[in-house]
């Protein structure tokens, strides 16, 4: 799961580097996927209030 996020970000950065039009929508999808994965994996019951 986390590997898919890493691969998507690599594709986004390559797309931005070569100035492709599909990079922007893919970046938005990748941000959403990253937030979904973080929400699924950040289930620690200990609150981190500093």
PDB file of N, CA and C in Angstrom:
ATOM      1  N   UNK A   1       0.827  -1.197   0.000  1.00  0.00           N
ATOM      2  CA  UNK A   1       0.000   0.000   0.000  1.00  0.00           C
ATOM      3  C   UNK A   1       0.869   1.258   0.000  1.00  0.00           C
ATOM      4  N   UNK A   2       1.805   1.284   0.921  1.00  0.00           N
ATOM      5  CA  UNK A   2       2.659   2.461   0.976  1.00  0.00           C
ATOM      6  C   UNK A   2       3.565   2.543  -0.248  1.00  0.00           C
ATOM      7  N   UNK A   3       3.901   1.392  -0.823  1.00  0.00           N
ATOM      8  CA  UNK A   3       4.704   1.381  -2.035  1.00  0.00           C
ATOM      9  C   UNK A   3       3.943   2.023  -3.191  1.00  0.00           C
ATOM     10  N   UNK A   4       2.631   1.819  -3.240  1.00  0.00           N
ATOM     11  CA  UNK A   4       1.834   2.454  -4.298  1.00  0.00           C
ATOM     12  C   UNK A   4       1.875   3.969  -4.180  1.00  0.00           C
ATOM     13  N   UNK A   5       1.854   4.478  -2.957  1.00  0.00           N
ATOM     14  CA  UNK A   5       1.949   5.926  -2.761  1.00  0.00           C
ATOM     15  C   UNK A   5       3.306   6.430  -3.241  1.00  0.00           C
ATOM     16  N   UNK A   6       4.363   5.706  -2.919  1.00  0.00           N
ATOM     17  CA  UNK A   6       5.708   6.096  -3.321  1.00  0.00           C
ATOM     18  C   UNK A   6       5.843   6.101  -4.841  1.00  0.00           C
ATOM     19  N   UNK A   7       5.314   5.068  -5.491  1.00  0.00           N
ATOM     20  CA  UNK A   7       5.399   4.982  -6.950  1.00  0.00           C
ATOM     21  C   UNK A   7       4.581   6.092  -7.607  1.00  0.00           C
ATOM     22  N   UNK A   8       3.388   6.380  -7.062  1.00  0.00           N
ATOM     23  CA  UNK A   8       2.575   7.467  -7.618  1.00  0.00           C
ATOM     24  C   UNK A   8       3.291   8.803  -7.519  1.00  0.00           C
ATOM     25  N   UNK A   9       3.965   9.071  -6.384  1.00  0.00           N
ATOM     26  CA  UNK A   9       4.678  10.335  -6.246  1.00  0.00           C
ATOM     27  C   UNK A   9       5.849  10.431  -7.218  1.00  0.00           C
ATOM     28  N   UNK A  10       6.526   9.303  -7.467  1.00  0.00           N
ATOM     29  CA  UNK A  10       7.609   9.311  -8.450  1.00  0.00           C
ATOM     30  C   UNK A  10       7.056   9.653  -9.832  1.00  0.00           C
ATOM     31  N   UNK A  11       5.924   9.045 -10.200  1.00  0.00           N
ATOM     32  CA  UNK A  11       5.311   9.326 -11.501  1.00  0.00           C
ATOM     33  C   UNK A  11       4.896  10.785 -11.602  1.00  0.00           C
ATOM     34  N   UNK A  12       4.352  11.340 -10.506  1.00  0.00           N
ATOM     35  CA  UNK A  12       3.956  12.754 -10.508  1.00  0.00           C
ATOM     36  C   UNK A  12       5.176  13.647 -10.716  1.00  0.00           C
ATOM     37  N   UNK A  13       6.257  13.384 -10.005  1.00  0.00           N
ATOM     38  CA  UNK A  13       7.439  14.236 -10.154  1.00  0.00           C
ATOM     39  C   UNK A  13       8.063  14.119 -11.536  1.00  0.00           C
ATOM     40  N   UNK A  14       8.044  12.922 -12.113  1.00  0.00           N
ATOM     41  CA  UNK A  14       8.544  12.763 -13.483  1.00  0.00           C
ATOM     42  C   UNK A  14       7.645  13.523 -14.454  1.00  0.00           C
ATOM     43  N   UNK A  15       6.336  13.426 -14.266  1.00  0.00           N
ATOM     44  CA  UNK A  15       5.405  14.154 -15.122  1.00  0.00           C
ATOM     45  C   UNK A  15       5.572  15.654 -15.032  1.00  0.00           C
ATOM     46  N   UNK A  16       5.817  16.162 -13.827  1.00  0.00           N
ATOM     47  CA  UNK A  16       6.060  17.597 -13.675  1.00  0.00           C
ATOM     48  C   UNK A  16       7.383  17.986 -14.334  1.00  0.00           C
ATOM     49  N   UNK A  17       8.386  17.140 -14.192  1.00  0.00           N
ATOM     50  CA  UNK A  17       9.702  17.435 -14.753  1.00  0.00           C
ATOM     51  C   UNK A  17       9.669  17.499 -16.276  1.00  0.00           C
ATOM     52  N   UNK A  18       8.897  16.617 -16.907  1.00  0.00           N
ATOM     53  CA  UNK A  18       8.822  16.627 -18.372  1.00  0.00           C
ATOM     54  C   UNK A  18       7.631  17.444 -18.881  1.00  0.00           C
ATOM     55  N   UNK A  19       6.974  18.155 -17.982  1.00  0.00           N
ATOM     56  CA  UNK A  19       5.898  19.106 -18.284  1.00  0.00           C
ATOM     57  C   UNK A  19       4.738  18.479 -19.029  1.00  0.00           C
ATOM     58  N   UNK A  20       4.213  17.407 -18.451  1.00  0.00           N
ATOM     59  CA  UNK A  20       3.039  16.747 -19.021  1.00  0.00           C
ATOM     60  C   UNK A  20       1.772  17.312 -18.390  1.00  0.00           C
ATOM     61  N   UNK A  21       0.701  17.345 -19.169  1.00  0.00           N
ATOM     62  CA  UNK A  21      -0.560  17.906 -18.678  1.00  0.00           C
ATOM     63  C   UNK A  21      -1.245  16.992 -17.671  1.00  0.00           C
ATOM     64  N   UNK A  22      -0.967  15.696 -17.710  1.00  0.00           N
ATOM     65  CA  UNK A  22      -1.619  14.756 -16.809  1.00  0.00           C
ATOM     66  C   UNK A  22      -1.017  14.780 -15.417  1.00  0.00           C
ATOM     67  N   UNK A  23       0.059  15.514 -15.226  1.00  0.00           N
ATOM     68  CA  UNK A  23       0.738  15.519 -13.928  1.00  0.00           C
ATOM     69  C   UNK A  23      -0.112  16.200 -12.848  1.00  0.00           C
ATOM     70  N   UNK A  24      -0.808  17.268 -13.202  1.00  0.00           N
ATOM     71  CA  UNK A  24      -1.600  17.990 -12.204  1.00  0.00           C
ATOM     72  C   UNK A  24      -2.778  17.161 -11.689  1.00  0.00           C
ATOM     73  N   UNK A  25      -3.609  16.569 -12.562  1.00  0.00           N
ATOM     74  CA  UNK A  25      -4.690  15.727 -12.020  1.00  0.00           C
ATOM     75  C   UNK A  25      -4.160  14.517 -11.259  1.00  0.00           C
ATOM     76  N   UNK A  26      -3.052  13.948 -11.739  1.00  0.00           N
ATOM     77  CA  UNK A  26      -2.480  12.803 -11.030  1.00  0.00           C
ATOM     78  C   UNK A  26      -1.948  13.228  -9.663  1.00  0.00           C
ATOM     79  N   UNK A  27      -1.422  14.452  -9.559  1.00  0.00           N
ATOM     80  CA  UNK A  27      -0.952  14.950  -8.263  1.00  0.00           C
ATOM     81  C   UNK A  27      -2.116  15.078  -7.282  1.00  0.00           C
ATOM     82  N   UNK A  28      -3.263  15.534  -7.759  1.00  0.00           N
ATOM     83  CA  UNK A  28      -4.436  15.667  -6.886  1.00  0.00           C
ATOM     84  C   UNK A  28      -4.906  14.291  -6.424  1.00  0.00           C
ATOM     85  N   UNK A  29      -4.920  13.321  -7.338  1.00  0.00           N
ATOM     86  CA  UNK A  29      -5.303  11.958  -6.978  1.00  0.00           C
ATOM     87  C   UNK A  29      -4.300  11.369  -5.989  1.00  0.00           C
ATOM     88  N   UNK A  30      -3.021  11.645  -6.204  1.00  0.00           N
ATOM     89  CA  UNK A  30      -1.986  11.113  -5.325  1.00  0.00           C
ATOM     90  C   UNK A  30      -2.074  11.725  -3.935  1.00  0.00           C
ATOM     91  N   UNK A  31      -2.389  13.006  -3.848  1.00  0.00           N
ATOM     92  CA  UNK A  31      -2.579  13.645  -2.537  1.00  0.00           C
ATOM     93  C   UNK A  31      -3.751  12.981  -1.809  1.00  0.00           C
ATOM     94  N   UNK A  32      -4.839  12.734  -2.534  1.00  0.00           N
ATOM     95  CA  UNK A  32      -5.995  12.083  -1.912  1.00  0.00           C
ATOM     96  C   UNK A  32      -5.630  10.675  -1.447  1.00  0.00           C
ATOM     97  N   UNK A  33      -4.891   9.919  -2.267  1.00  0.00           N
ATOM     98  CA  UNK A  33      -4.485   8.561  -1.900  1.00  0.00           C
ATOM     99  C   UNK A  33      -3.556   8.584  -0.690  1.00  0.00           C
ATOM    100  N   UNK A  34      -2.658   9.576  -0.642  1.00  0.00           N
ATOM    101  CA  UNK A  34      -1.761   9.714   0.511  1.00  0.00           C
ATOM    102  C   UNK A  34      -2.563   9.980   1.785  1.00  0.00           C
ATOM    103  N   UNK A  35      -3.557  10.853   1.700  1.00  0.00           N
ATOM    104  CA  UNK A  35      -4.382  11.145   2.873  1.00  0.00           C
ATOM    105  C   UNK A  35      -5.175   9.920   3.317  1.00  0.00           C
ATOM    106  N   UNK A  36      -5.671   9.133   2.353  1.00  0.00           N
ATOM    107  CA  UNK A  36      -6.399   7.903   2.699  1.00  0.00           C
ATOM    108  C   UNK A  36      -5.469   6.933   3.417  1.00  0.00           C
ATOM    109  N   UNK A  37      -4.272   6.752   2.876  1.00  0.00           N
ATOM    110  CA  UNK A  37      -3.327   5.828   3.505  1.00  0.00           C
ATOM    111  C   UNK A  37      -2.905   6.304   4.888  1.00  0.00           C
ATOM    112  N   UNK A  38      -2.680   7.598   5.035  1.00  0.00           N
ATOM    113  CA  UNK A  38      -2.313   8.116   6.356  1.00  0.00           C
ATOM    114  C   UNK A  38      -3.452   7.931   7.348  1.00  0.00           C
ATOM    115  N   UNK A  39      -4.677   8.149   6.899  1.00  0.00           N
ATOM    116  CA  UNK A  39      -5.838   7.976   7.782  1.00  0.00           C
ATOM    117  C   UNK A  39      -5.960   6.509   8.215  1.00  0.00           C
ATOM    118  N   UNK A  40      -5.671   5.583   7.286  1.00  0.00           N
ATOM    119  CA  UNK A  40      -5.777   4.163   7.617  1.00  0.00           C
ATOM    120  C   UNK A  40      -4.663   3.711   8.552  1.00  0.00           C
ATOM    121  N   UNK A  41      -3.470   4.262   8.407  1.00  0.00           N
ATOM    122  CA  UNK A  41      -2.331   3.775   9.171  1.00  0.00           C
ATOM    123  C   UNK A  41      -2.064   4.557  10.454  1.00  0.00           C
ATOM    124  N   UNK A  42      -2.629   5.732  10.583  1.00  0.00           N
ATOM    125  CA  UNK A  42      -2.412   6.525  11.794  1.00  0.00           C
ATOM    126  C   UNK A  42      -3.555   6.267  12.774  1.00  0.00           C
ATOM    127  N   UNK A  43      -3.611   5.064  13.307  1.00  0.00           N
ATOM    128  CA  UNK A  43      -4.690   4.691  14.211  1.00  0.00           C
ATOM    129  C   UNK A  43      -4.188   4.476  15.634  1.00  0.00           C
ATOM    130  N   UNK A  44      -3.108   5.121  15.988  1.00  0.00           N
ATOM    131  CA  UNK A  44      -2.556   4.987  17.312  1.00  0.00           C
ATOM    132  C   UNK A  44      -3.487   5.666  18.325  1.00  0.00           C
ATOM    133  N   UNK A  45      -3.882   4.974  19.389  1.00  0.00           N
ATOM    134  CA  UNK A  45      -4.808   5.579  20.349  1.00  0.00           C
ATOM    135  C   UNK A  45      -4.154   6.626  21.250  1.00  0.00           C
ATOM    136  N   UNK A  46      -2.840   6.735  21.215  1.00  0.00           N
ATOM    137  CA  UNK A  46      -2.159   7.713  22.063  1.00  0.00           C
ATOM    138  C   UNK A  46      -2.183   9.079  21.387  1.00  0.00           C
ATOM    139  N   UNK A  47      -2.829  10.073  22.010  1.00  0.00           N
ATOM    140  CA  UNK A  47      -2.839  11.402  21.403  1.00  0.00           C
ATOM    141  C   UNK A  47      -1.462  12.055  21.519  1.00  0.00           C
ATOM    142  N   UNK A  48      -1.056  12.725  20.445  1.00  0.00           N
ATOM    143  CA  UNK A  48       0.258  13.372  20.425  1.00  0.00           C
ATOM    144  C   UNK A  48       0.076  14.876  20.620  1.00  0.00           C
ATOM    145  N   UNK A  49      -0.363  15.257  21.818  1.00  0.00           N
ATOM    146  CA  UNK A  49      -0.528  16.681  22.130  1.00  0.00           C
ATOM    147  C   UNK A  49       0.720  17.187  22.835  1.00  0.00           C
ATOM    148  N   UNK A  50       1.387  18.087  22.224  1.00  0.00           N
ATOM    149  CA  UNK A  50       2.617  18.630  22.822  1.00  0.00           C
ATOM    150  C   UNK A  50       2.339  19.971  23.464  1.00  0.00           C
TER     151      UNK A  50
END
